[in-house]
Amino acid sequence: MDKEQVKAEIQAIEDAFASVYNTGNVDALTYYADDTTSYFNGKLAVVGKEILERRTGQFCKKG
């Protein structure tokens, strides 16, 4: 396994997410798997890509 290649791939994914966050363009989000589960501090788990994308969009708009 080429660790530098893996690092570059992960960084590209993180950069794409940062772009979505900074622009609020959630339609461009490809970060989450369909069966994703995410935990926000002090909140109930968010389950499912569509719901998490909606939540991310709300968060991005609040900035």
PDB file of N, CA and C in Angstrom:
ATOM      1  N   MET A   1       0.844  -1.176   0.000  1.00  0.00           N
ATOM      2  CA  MET A   1       0.000   0.000   0.000  1.00  0.00           C
ATOM      3  C   MET A   1       0.888   1.238   0.000  1.00  0.00           C
ATOM      4  N   ASP A   2       0.558   2.159  -0.852  1.00  0.00           N
ATOM      5  CA  ASP A   2       1.289   3.415  -0.960  1.00  0.00           C
ATOM      6  C   ASP A   2       0.652   4.433  -0.010  1.00  0.00           C
ATOM      7  N   LYS A   3       1.296   4.663   1.127  1.00  0.00           N
ATOM      8  CA  LYS A   3       0.733   5.553   2.150  1.00  0.00           C
ATOM      9  C   LYS A   3       0.560   6.980   1.638  1.00  0.00           C
ATOM     10  N   GLU A   4       1.455   7.448   0.825  1.00  0.00           N
ATOM     11  CA  GLU A   4       1.346   8.808   0.291  1.00  0.00           C
ATOM     12  C   GLU A   4       0.141   8.929  -0.642  1.00  0.00           C
ATOM     13  N   GLN A   5      -0.129   7.881  -1.417  1.00  0.00           N
ATOM     14  CA  GLN A   5      -1.296   7.876  -2.300  1.00  0.00           C
ATOM     15  C   GLN A   5      -2.583   7.886  -1.480  1.00  0.00           C
ATOM     16  N   VAL A   6      -2.620   7.081  -0.425  1.00  0.00           N
ATOM     17  CA  VAL A   6      -3.789   7.044   0.451  1.00  0.00           C
ATOM     18  C   VAL A   6      -3.994   8.406   1.104  1.00  0.00           C
ATOM     19  N   LYS A   7      -2.921   9.021   1.586  1.00  0.00           N
ATOM     20  CA  LYS A   7      -3.008  10.353   2.180  1.00  0.00           C
ATOM     21  C   LYS A   7      -3.565  11.362   1.185  1.00  0.00           C
ATOM     22  N   ALA A   8      -3.097  11.298  -0.048  1.00  0.00           N
ATOM     23  CA  ALA A   8      -3.559  12.222  -1.084  1.00  0.00           C
ATOM     24  C   ALA A   8      -5.045  12.023  -1.377  1.00  0.00           C
ATOM     25  N   GLU A   9      -5.496  10.774  -1.410  1.00  0.00           N
ATOM     26  CA  GLU A   9      -6.907  10.482  -1.659  1.00  0.00           C
ATOM     27  C   GLU A   9      -7.786  10.998  -0.526  1.00  0.00           C
ATOM     28  N   ILE A  10      -7.358  10.770   0.713  1.00  0.00           N
ATOM     29  CA  ILE A  10      -8.112  11.256   1.869  1.00  0.00           C
ATOM     30  C   ILE A  10      -8.146  12.779   1.869  1.00  0.00           C
ATOM     31  N   GLN A  11      -7.029  13.419   1.573  1.00  0.00           N
ATOM     32  CA  GLN A  11      -6.985  14.876   1.552  1.00  0.00           C
ATOM     33  C   GLN A  11      -7.903  15.442   0.473  1.00  0.00           C
ATOM     34  N   ALA A  12      -7.983  14.776  -0.671  1.00  0.00           N
ATOM     35  CA  ALA A  12      -8.869  15.232  -1.749  1.00  0.00           C
ATOM     36  C   ALA A  12     -10.331  15.163  -1.303  1.00  0.00           C
ATOM     37  N   ILE A  13     -10.699  14.116  -0.579  1.00  0.00           N
ATOM     38  CA  ILE A  13     -12.060  13.980  -0.065  1.00  0.00           C
ATOM     39  C   ILE A  13     -12.347  15.080   0.956  1.00  0.00           C
ATOM     40  N   GLU A  14     -11.408  15.329   1.839  1.00  0.00           N
ATOM     41  CA  GLU A  14     -11.576  16.382   2.843  1.00  0.00           C
ATOM     42  C   GLU A  14     -11.653  17.762   2.190  1.00  0.00           C
ATOM     43  N   ASP A  15     -10.853  17.995   1.165  1.00  0.00           N
ATOM     44  CA  ASP A  15     -10.897  19.270   0.453  1.00  0.00           C
ATOM     45  C   ASP A  15     -12.257  19.478  -0.219  1.00  0.00           C
ATOM     46  N   ALA A  16     -12.802  18.410  -0.801  1.00  0.00           N
ATOM     47  CA  ALA A  16     -14.116  18.498  -1.444  1.00  0.00           C
ATOM     48  C   ALA A  16     -15.192  18.806  -0.407  1.00  0.00           C
ATOM     49  N   PHE A  17     -15.104  18.182   0.767  1.00  0.00           N
ATOM     50  CA  PHE A  17     -16.073  18.463   1.825  1.00  0.00           C
ATOM     51  C   PHE A  17     -15.948  19.911   2.292  1.00  0.00           C
ATOM     52  N   ALA A  18     -14.737  20.402   2.425  1.00  0.00           N
ATOM     53  CA  ALA A  18     -14.528  21.793   2.842  1.00  0.00           C
ATOM     54  C   ALA A  18     -15.144  22.751   1.830  1.00  0.00           C
ATOM     55  N   SER A  19     -15.044  22.420   0.556  1.00  0.00           N
ATOM     56  CA  SER A  19     -15.639  23.258  -0.481  1.00  0.00           C
ATOM     57  C   SER A  19     -17.159  23.299  -0.338  1.00  0.00           C
ATOM     58  N   VAL A  20     -17.766  22.134  -0.092  1.00  0.00           N
ATOM     59  CA  VAL A  20     -19.210  22.075   0.133  1.00  0.00           C
ATOM     60  C   VAL A  20     -19.575  22.914   1.355  1.00  0.00           C
ATOM     61  N   TYR A  21     -18.838  22.758   2.425  1.00  0.00           N
ATOM     62  CA  TYR A  21     -19.105  23.507   3.652  1.00  0.00           C
ATOM     63  C   TYR A  21     -18.991  25.011   3.411  1.00  0.00           C
ATOM     64  N   ASN A  22     -17.955  25.422   2.719  1.00  0.00           N
ATOM     65  CA  ASN A  22     -17.717  26.853   2.505  1.00  0.00           C
ATOM     66  C   ASN A  22     -18.700  27.499   1.537  1.00  0.00           C
ATOM     67  N   THR A  23     -19.213  26.721   0.582  1.00  0.00           N
ATOM     68  CA  THR A  23     -20.146  27.283  -0.397  1.00  0.00           C
ATOM     69  C   THR A  23     -21.602  26.980  -0.065  1.00  0.00           C
ATOM     70  N   GLY A  24     -21.834  25.987   0.782  1.00  0.00           N
ATOM     71  CA  GLY A  24     -23.196  25.581   1.107  1.00  0.00           C
ATOM     72  C   GLY A  24     -23.856  24.776   0.007  1.00  0.00           C
ATOM     73  N   ASN A  25     -23.088  24.331  -0.990  1.00  0.00           N
ATOM     74  CA  ASN A  25     -23.616  23.567  -2.122  1.00  0.00           C
ATOM     75  C   ASN A  25     -23.689  22.083  -1.764  1.00  0.00           C
ATOM     76  N   VAL A  26     -24.681  21.723  -0.974  1.00  0.00           N
ATOM     77  CA  VAL A  26     -24.814  20.350  -0.494  1.00  0.00           C
ATOM     78  C   VAL A  26     -25.093  19.375  -1.628  1.00  0.00           C
ATOM     79  N   ASP A  27     -25.642  19.854  -2.738  1.00  0.00           N
ATOM     80  CA  ASP A  27     -25.898  18.979  -3.887  1.00  0.00           C
ATOM     81  C   ASP A  27     -24.604  18.372  -4.432  1.00  0.00           C
ATOM     82  N   ALA A  28     -23.471  19.006  -4.177  1.00  0.00           N
ATOM     83  CA  ALA A  28     -22.185  18.503  -4.649  1.00  0.00           C
ATOM     84  C   ALA A  28     -21.551  17.517  -3.661  1.00  0.00           C
ATOM     85  N   LEU A  29     -22.224  17.255  -2.562  1.00  0.00           N
ATOM     86  CA  LEU A  29     -21.668  16.403  -1.510  1.00  0.00           C
ATOM     87  C   LEU A  29     -21.670  14.939  -1.926  1.00  0.00           C
ATOM     88  N   THR A  30     -20.515  14.319  -1.896  1.00  0.00           N
ATOM     89  CA  THR A  30     -20.383  12.886  -2.196  1.00  0.00           C
ATOM     90  C   THR A  30     -19.632  12.192  -1.072  1.00  0.00           C
ATOM     91  N   TYR A  31     -19.654  12.776   0.080  1.00  0.00           N
ATOM     92  CA  TYR A  31     -18.825  12.376   1.217  1.00  0.00           C
ATOM     93  C   TYR A  31     -19.363  11.171   1.974  1.00  0.00           C
ATOM     94  N   TYR A  32     -20.664  10.978   2.002  1.00  0.00           N
ATOM     95  CA  TYR A  32     -21.283   9.979   2.872  1.00  0.00           C
ATOM     96  C   TYR A  32     -21.756   8.750   2.109  1.00  0.00           C
ATOM     97  N   ALA A  33     -21.662   7.593   2.775  1.00  0.00           N
ATOM     98  CA  ALA A  33     -22.214   6.349   2.242  1.00  0.00           C
ATOM     99  C   ALA A  33     -23.726   6.342   2.461  1.00  0.00           C
ATOM    100  N   ASP A  34     -24.449   5.529   1.697  1.00  0.00           N
ATOM    101  CA  ASP A  34     -25.906   5.474   1.826  1.00  0.00           C
ATOM    102  C   ASP A  34     -26.359   5.084   3.232  1.00  0.00           C
ATOM    103  N   ASP A  35     -25.600   4.218   3.898  1.00  0.00           N
ATOM    104  CA  ASP A  35     -25.991   3.738   5.225  1.00  0.00           C
ATOM    105  C   ASP A  35     -25.204   4.424   6.355  1.00  0.00           C
ATOM    106  N   THR A  36     -24.781   5.636   6.104  1.00  0.00           N
ATOM    107  CA  THR A  36     -23.961   6.360   7.065  1.00  0.00           C
ATOM    108  C   THR A  36     -24.696   6.638   8.379  1.00  0.00           C
ATOM    109  N   THR A  37     -23.942   6.702   9.458  1.00  0.00           N
ATOM    110  CA  THR A  37     -24.441   7.123  10.761  1.00  0.00           C
ATOM    111  C   THR A  37     -23.449   8.131  11.306  1.00  0.00           C
ATOM    112  N   SER A  38     -23.959   9.252  11.769  1.00  0.00           N
ATOM    113  CA  SER A  38     -23.076  10.286  12.299  1.00  0.00           C
ATOM    114  C   SER A  38     -23.587  10.729  13.658  1.00  0.00           C
ATOM    115  N   TYR A  39     -22.660  11.031  14.537  1.00  0.00           N
ATOM    116  CA  TYR A  39     -22.986  11.451  15.893  1.00  0.00           C
ATOM    117  C   TYR A  39     -22.508  12.877  16.104  1.00  0.00           C
ATOM    118  N   PHE A  40     -23.432  13.764  16.442  1.00  0.00           N
ATOM    119  CA  PHE A  40     -23.097  15.141  16.756  1.00  0.00           C
ATOM    120  C   PHE A  40     -23.093  15.288  18.263  1.00  0.00           C
ATOM    121  N   ASN A  41     -22.196  16.080  18.778  1.00  0.00           N
ATOM    122  CA  ASN A  41     -22.042  16.272  20.207  1.00  0.00           C
ATOM    123  C   ASN A  41     -23.367  16.687  20.854  1.00  0.00           C
ATOM    124  N   GLY A  42     -23.841  15.867  21.780  1.00  0.00           N
ATOM    125  CA  GLY A  42     -25.048  16.184  22.523  1.00  0.00           C
ATOM    126  C   GLY A  42     -26.340  15.973  21.757  1.00  0.00           C
ATOM    127  N   LYS A  43     -26.287  15.324  20.608  1.00  0.00           N
ATOM    128  CA  LYS A  43     -27.474  15.109  19.773  1.00  0.00           C
ATOM    129  C   LYS A  43     -27.676  13.615  19.526  1.00  0.00           C
ATOM    130  N   LEU A  44     -28.880  13.257  19.082  1.00  0.00           N
ATOM    131  CA  LEU A  44     -29.134  11.883  18.680  1.00  0.00           C
ATOM    132  C   LEU A  44     -28.386  11.578  17.382  1.00  0.00           C
ATOM    133  N   ALA A  45     -28.126  10.303  17.152  1.00  0.00           N
ATOM    134  CA  ALA A  45     -27.442   9.891  15.925  1.00  0.00           C
ATOM    135  C   ALA A  45     -28.278  10.251  14.706  1.00  0.00           C
ATOM    136  N   VAL A  46     -27.608  10.634  13.636  1.00  0.00           N
ATOM    137  CA  VAL A  46     -28.246  10.890  12.348  1.00  0.00           C
ATOM    138  C   VAL A  46     -27.928   9.680  11.474  1.00  0.00           C
ATOM    139  N   VAL A  47     -28.966   9.009  10.974  1.00  0.00           N
ATOM    140  CA  VAL A  47     -28.786   7.784  10.207  1.00  0.00           C
ATOM    141  C   VAL A  47     -29.326   7.967   8.797  1.00  0.00           C
ATOM    142  N   GLY A  48     -28.493   7.686   7.818  1.00  0.00           N
ATOM    143  CA  GLY A  48     -28.893   7.755   6.420  1.00  0.00           C
ATOM    144  C   GLY A  48     -28.292   8.954   5.708  1.00  0.00           C
ATOM    145  N   LYS A  49     -27.843   8.713   4.492  1.00  0.00           N
ATOM    146  CA  LYS A  49     -27.156   9.735   3.692  1.00  0.00           C
ATOM    147  C   LYS A  49     -28.030  10.960   3.441  1.00  0.00           C
ATOM    148  N   GLU A  50     -29.283  10.742   3.047  1.00  0.00           N
ATOM    149  CA  GLU A  50     -30.161  11.860   2.709  1.00  0.00           C
ATOM    150  C   GLU A  50     -30.391  12.777   3.911  1.00  0.00           C
ATOM    151  N   ILE A  51     -30.646  12.180   5.058  1.00  0.00           N
ATOM    152  CA  ILE A  51     -30.878  12.977   6.266  1.00  0.00           C
ATOM    153  C   ILE A  51     -29.607  13.712   6.678  1.00  0.00           C
ATOM    154  N   LEU A  52     -28.482  13.037   6.605  1.00  0.00           N
ATOM    155  CA  LEU A  52     -27.224  13.669   6.997  1.00  0.00           C
ATOM    156  C   LEU A  52     -26.856  14.798   6.039  1.00  0.00           C
ATOM    157  N   GLU A  53     -27.112  14.623   4.749  1.00  0.00           N
ATOM    158  CA  GLU A  53     -26.850  15.702   3.796  1.00  0.00           C
ATOM    159  C   GLU A  53     -27.735  16.914   4.101  1.00  0.00           C
ATOM    160  N   ARG A  54     -28.998  16.659   4.445  1.00  0.00           N
ATOM    161  CA  ARG A  54     -29.908  17.750   4.804  1.00  0.00           C
ATOM    162  C   ARG A  54     -29.401  18.476   6.051  1.00  0.00           C
ATOM    163  N   ARG A  55     -28.984  17.703   7.046  1.00  0.00           N
ATOM    164  CA  ARG A  55     -28.457  18.291   8.286  1.00  0.00           C
ATOM    165  C   ARG A  55     -27.186  19.077   8.004  1.00  0.00           C
ATOM    166  N   THR A  56     -26.323  18.547   7.165  1.00  0.00           N
ATOM    167  CA  THR A  56     -25.077  19.248   6.818  1.00  0.00           C
ATOM    168  C   THR A  56     -25.404  20.559   6.118  1.00  0.00           C
ATOM    169  N   GLY A  57     -26.385  20.533   5.223  1.00  0.00           N
ATOM    170  CA  GLY A  57     -26.795  21.753   4.527  1.00  0.00           C
ATOM    171  C   GLY A  57     -27.308  22.807   5.479  1.00  0.00           C
ATOM    172  N   GLN A  58     -28.086  22.408   6.477  1.00  0.00           N
ATOM    173  CA  GLN A  58     -28.579  23.344   7.481  1.00  0.00           C
ATOM    174  C   GLN A  58     -27.424  23.940   8.280  1.00  0.00           C
ATOM    175  N   PHE A  59     -26.463  23.097   8.617  1.00  0.00           N
ATOM    176  CA  PHE A  59     -25.299  23.553   9.384  1.00  0.00           C
ATOM    177  C   PHE A  59     -24.457  24.522   8.576  1.00  0.00           C
ATOM    178  N   CYS A  60     -24.268  24.208   7.283  1.00  0.00           N
ATOM    179  CA  CYS A  60     -23.458  25.074   6.428  1.00  0.00           C
ATOM    180  C   CYS A  60     -24.099  26.450   6.269  1.00  0.00           C
ATOM    181  N   LYS A  61     -25.406  26.500   6.151  1.00  0.00           N
ATOM    182  CA  LYS A  61     -26.111  27.762   5.977  1.00  0.00           C
ATOM    183  C   LYS A  61     -26.026  28.642   7.219  1.00  0.00           C
ATOM    184  N   LYS A  62     -25.910  28.009   8.392  1.00  0.00           N
ATOM    185  CA  LYS A  62     -25.780  28.773   9.631  1.00  0.00           C
ATOM    186  C   LYS A  62     -24.398  29.383   9.740  1.00  0.00           C
ATOM    187  N   GLY A  63     -23.408  28.654   9.110  1.00  0.00           N
ATOM    188  CA  GLY A  63     -22.033  29.109   9.055  1.00  0.00           C
ATOM    189  C   GLY A  63     -21.470  29.367  10.369  1.00  0.00           C
TER     190      GLY A  63
END
